[in-house]
């Protein structure tokens, strides 16, 4: 049985089962955290943001850790967190970091332990959303749009590889986007965890 945001058992009035995780993947700024919170409320599951879990574990911001230890060390921590969060019986809606899919182990664990939804948005759409963002270390460059295009070219095939389905995350309201995901989940057999 899923846990509510208060940590108590909740009755979920839907056909999604009480034994699955849902993971959202996609580019930085695609709306994974916002959608995860709304989707979790609708499903009466717990929403977890892997970046927040990482910062709690590290005791500092991702940007600070990235600057001091490098991307490889950060990806090691990220891999451990994804493993812990998707372990059997967790029953969560997980918003992953944009680069979580870079490691094959993460892609495999997500695909096997969750129903994975790729929130797709173009680099141009993301550049508009993120133009004032200073928290994302990989976007602190002279030409963020070029960087987003490069990241998209590298990551889009990886998102698609681990996703059970793709949802266009642009040009709609949060409510409509979550409703589309819920409809897709009704058509997708739940992924067992544990």
Protein backbone atom coordinates (compact mmCIF):
# COMPACT_ATOMS: atom_id res chain seq x y z
CA UNK A 1 0.00 0.00 0.00
CA UNK A 2 1.45 3.43 -0.91
CA UNK A 3 2.42 5.96 1.71
CA UNK A 4 0.83 9.39 1.82
CA UNK A 5 2.93 12.54 2.17
CA UNK A 6 2.47 12.17 5.93
CA UNK A 7 4.12 8.76 5.81
CA UNK A 8 0.88 6.90 6.66
CA UNK A 9 -0.67 4.19 4.52
CA UNK A 10 -3.05 5.61 1.94
CA UNK A 11 -5.81 4.03 -0.10
CA UNK A 12 -5.20 4.82 -3.74
CA UNK A 13 -8.45 4.95 -5.67
CA UNK A 14 -6.95 3.89 -8.98
CA UNK A 15 -5.83 0.84 -10.92
CA UNK A 16 -2.11 1.62 -10.68
CA UNK A 17 -1.43 -0.97 -7.99
CA UNK A 18 0.24 -0.52 -4.65
CA UNK A 19 3.65 -1.85 -5.59
CA UNK A 20 5.23 0.51 -8.05
CA UNK A 21 7.62 3.41 -8.29
CA UNK A 22 7.26 6.09 -10.92
CA UNK A 23 10.40 7.89 -12.09
CA UNK A 24 10.53 11.07 -14.15
CA UNK A 25 13.53 11.64 -16.39
CA UNK A 26 14.35 14.52 -18.70
CA UNK A 27 16.51 17.52 -19.33
CA UNK A 28 17.24 20.10 -16.64
CA UNK A 29 14.24 22.41 -16.46
CA UNK A 30 11.76 20.00 -18.05
CA UNK A 31 9.54 20.14 -14.96
CA UNK A 32 10.38 16.81 -13.31
CA UNK A 33 10.21 18.09 -9.71
CA UNK A 34 6.99 20.05 -10.19
CA UNK A 35 5.29 17.21 -12.05
CA UNK A 36 6.48 14.65 -9.48
CA UNK A 37 4.89 16.61 -6.63
CA UNK A 38 1.58 17.00 -8.45
CA UNK A 39 1.53 13.39 -9.68
CA UNK A 40 2.34 12.09 -6.20
CA UNK A 41 -0.54 14.12 -4.73
CA UNK A 42 -2.95 12.68 -7.29
CA UNK A 43 -1.75 9.11 -6.66
CA UNK A 44 -1.37 9.58 -2.89
CA UNK A 45 2.28 8.54 -3.11
CA UNK A 46 5.39 10.19 -1.72
CA UNK A 47 7.27 12.56 -4.02
CA UNK A 48 11.07 12.44 -3.80
CA UNK A 49 13.52 14.68 -5.63
CA UNK A 50 16.86 12.91 -6.10
CA UNK A 51 18.76 16.22 -6.24
CA UNK A 52 17.32 17.22 -2.85
CA UNK A 53 18.20 13.79 -1.45
CA UNK A 54 21.74 14.20 -2.75
CA UNK A 55 22.10 17.66 -1.18
CA UNK A 56 20.84 16.31 2.14
CA UNK A 57 23.40 13.49 1.98
CA UNK A 58 26.25 15.83 1.01
CA UNK A 59 25.35 18.64 3.37
CA UNK A 60 25.95 21.20 0.60
CA UNK A 61 24.52 22.27 -2.74
CA UNK A 62 25.11 20.17 -5.83
CA UNK A 63 26.82 23.12 -7.48
CA UNK A 64 29.24 23.47 -4.56
CA UNK A 65 30.01 19.74 -4.53
CA UNK A 66 30.36 19.72 -8.31
CA UNK A 67 32.83 22.63 -8.15
CA UNK A 68 34.90 21.06 -5.36
CA UNK A 69 34.88 17.39 -6.33
CA UNK A 70 34.01 17.21 -10.03
CA UNK A 71 31.28 15.56 -12.04
CA UNK A 72 32.51 11.99 -11.63
CA UNK A 73 32.39 12.16 -7.81
CA UNK A 74 28.93 13.71 -8.02
CA UNK A 75 27.71 10.92 -10.34
CA UNK A 76 28.99 8.33 -7.82
CA UNK A 77 26.83 9.86 -5.09
CA UNK A 78 23.89 10.18 -7.49
CA UNK A 79 24.15 6.49 -8.43
CA UNK A 80 24.07 5.43 -4.77
CA UNK A 81 21.05 7.64 -4.06
CA UNK A 82 19.11 6.33 -7.09
CA UNK A 83 19.84 2.78 -5.94
CA UNK A 84 18.57 3.49 -2.43
CA UNK A 85 15.49 5.41 -3.57
CA UNK A 86 14.34 2.76 -6.04
CA UNK A 87 15.01 -0.24 -3.82
CA UNK A 88 12.11 -2.65 -3.37
CA UNK A 89 8.98 -1.44 -1.70
CA UNK A 90 9.68 2.30 -1.79
CA UNK A 91 6.42 3.34 -3.56
CA UNK A 92 7.48 6.82 -4.67
CA UNK A 93 7.26 9.30 -7.50
CA UNK A 94 10.91 10.11 -8.15
CA UNK A 95 12.11 13.27 -9.88
CA UNK A 96 15.61 12.44 -11.12
CA UNK A 97 18.42 14.83 -11.96
CA UNK A 98 18.88 15.62 -15.63
CA UNK A 99 22.11 13.63 -15.86
CA UNK A 100 20.98 10.57 -13.91
CA UNK A 101 20.65 8.59 -17.15
CA UNK A 102 24.32 9.05 -18.04
CA UNK A 103 25.27 5.93 -16.09
CA UNK A 104 24.08 2.61 -17.54
CA UNK A 105 23.49 1.27 -14.02
CA UNK A 106 21.03 4.08 -13.29
CA UNK A 107 19.18 3.51 -16.56
CA UNK A 108 18.89 -0.19 -15.82
CA UNK A 109 17.75 0.29 -12.22
CA UNK A 110 15.18 2.89 -13.19
CA UNK A 111 13.79 0.77 -16.03
CA UNK A 112 13.58 -2.35 -13.86
CA UNK A 113 12.36 -0.74 -10.64
CA UNK A 114 9.96 1.95 -11.85
CA UNK A 115 7.61 3.03 -14.56
CA UNK A 116 9.80 5.65 -16.23
CA UNK A 117 8.32 8.74 -17.85
CA UNK A 118 10.48 10.95 -20.07
CA UNK A 119 9.32 14.57 -19.90
CA UNK A 120 10.54 15.78 -23.27
CA UNK A 121 11.23 19.46 -23.97
CA UNK A 122 13.37 21.02 -26.70
CA UNK A 123 16.59 22.89 -25.92
CA UNK A 124 14.96 26.12 -27.10
CA UNK A 125 12.02 25.66 -24.70
CA UNK A 126 14.40 24.84 -21.87
CA UNK A 127 16.62 27.86 -22.57
CA UNK A 128 13.59 30.13 -22.10
CA UNK A 129 12.68 28.46 -18.80
CA UNK A 130 16.23 28.45 -17.45
CA UNK A 131 17.55 31.82 -18.64
CA UNK A 132 17.88 33.16 -15.07
CA UNK A 133 18.86 29.89 -13.36
CA UNK A 134 22.20 29.98 -11.52
CA UNK A 135 21.92 26.68 -9.63
CA UNK A 136 22.63 24.23 -12.45
CA UNK A 137 26.40 23.80 -12.78
CA UNK A 138 26.40 22.47 -16.34
CA UNK A 139 24.52 25.54 -17.59
CA UNK A 140 26.87 28.16 -16.16
CA UNK A 141 28.48 28.79 -19.56
CA UNK A 142 28.69 31.66 -22.06
CA UNK A 143 26.12 30.05 -24.42
CA UNK A 144 23.52 28.09 -22.41
CA UNK A 145 21.41 27.33 -25.52
CA UNK A 146 24.35 25.66 -27.25
CA UNK A 147 25.08 23.74 -24.07
CA UNK A 148 21.44 22.61 -23.86
CA UNK A 149 21.51 21.52 -27.50
CA UNK A 150 24.67 19.49 -26.85
CA UNK A 151 23.21 17.93 -23.69
CA UNK A 152 19.98 17.12 -25.52
CA UNK A 153 21.85 15.44 -28.38
CA UNK A 154 23.77 13.30 -25.87
CA UNK A 155 20.93 12.54 -23.47
CA UNK A 156 17.75 12.24 -25.53
CA UNK A 157 18.65 8.69 -26.69
CA UNK A 158 19.44 7.73 -23.07
CA UNK A 159 16.13 9.10 -21.77
CA UNK A 160 14.32 7.16 -24.48
CA UNK A 161 16.28 4.00 -23.67
CA UNK A 162 15.09 3.83 -20.08
CA UNK A 163 11.63 5.38 -20.50
CA UNK A 164 8.49 3.31 -20.67
CA UNK A 165 6.83 6.27 -22.38
CA UNK A 166 7.53 9.84 -23.51
CA UNK A 167 5.34 12.85 -22.70
CA UNK A 168 5.82 16.26 -24.32
CA UNK A 169 6.35 18.65 -21.39
CA UNK A 170 5.86 21.89 -23.29
CA UNK A 171 2.81 23.91 -24.24
CA UNK A 172 0.37 22.64 -21.64
CA UNK A 173 -0.66 23.29 -18.06
CA UNK A 174 0.62 21.22 -15.17
CA UNK A 175 -2.86 19.81 -14.59
CA UNK A 176 -3.22 18.65 -18.21
CA UNK A 177 0.30 17.21 -18.22
CA UNK A 178 -0.36 15.20 -15.05
CA UNK A 179 -3.71 14.01 -16.46
CA UNK A 180 -1.93 12.78 -19.60
CA UNK A 181 0.56 10.88 -17.46
CA UNK A 182 -2.24 9.34 -15.39
CA UNK A 183 -4.03 8.20 -18.55
CA UNK A 184 -0.81 6.64 -19.81
CA UNK A 185 -0.24 4.91 -16.47
CA UNK A 186 -3.71 3.38 -16.66
CA UNK A 187 -2.66 1.77 -19.95
CA UNK A 188 0.74 0.62 -18.68
CA UNK A 189 1.10 -2.43 -16.44
CA UNK A 190 2.67 -1.44 -13.10
CA UNK A 191 6.34 -2.19 -12.49
CA UNK A 192 6.87 -4.34 -9.42
CA UNK A 193 9.40 -3.20 -6.83
CA UNK A 194 10.57 -5.85 -4.46
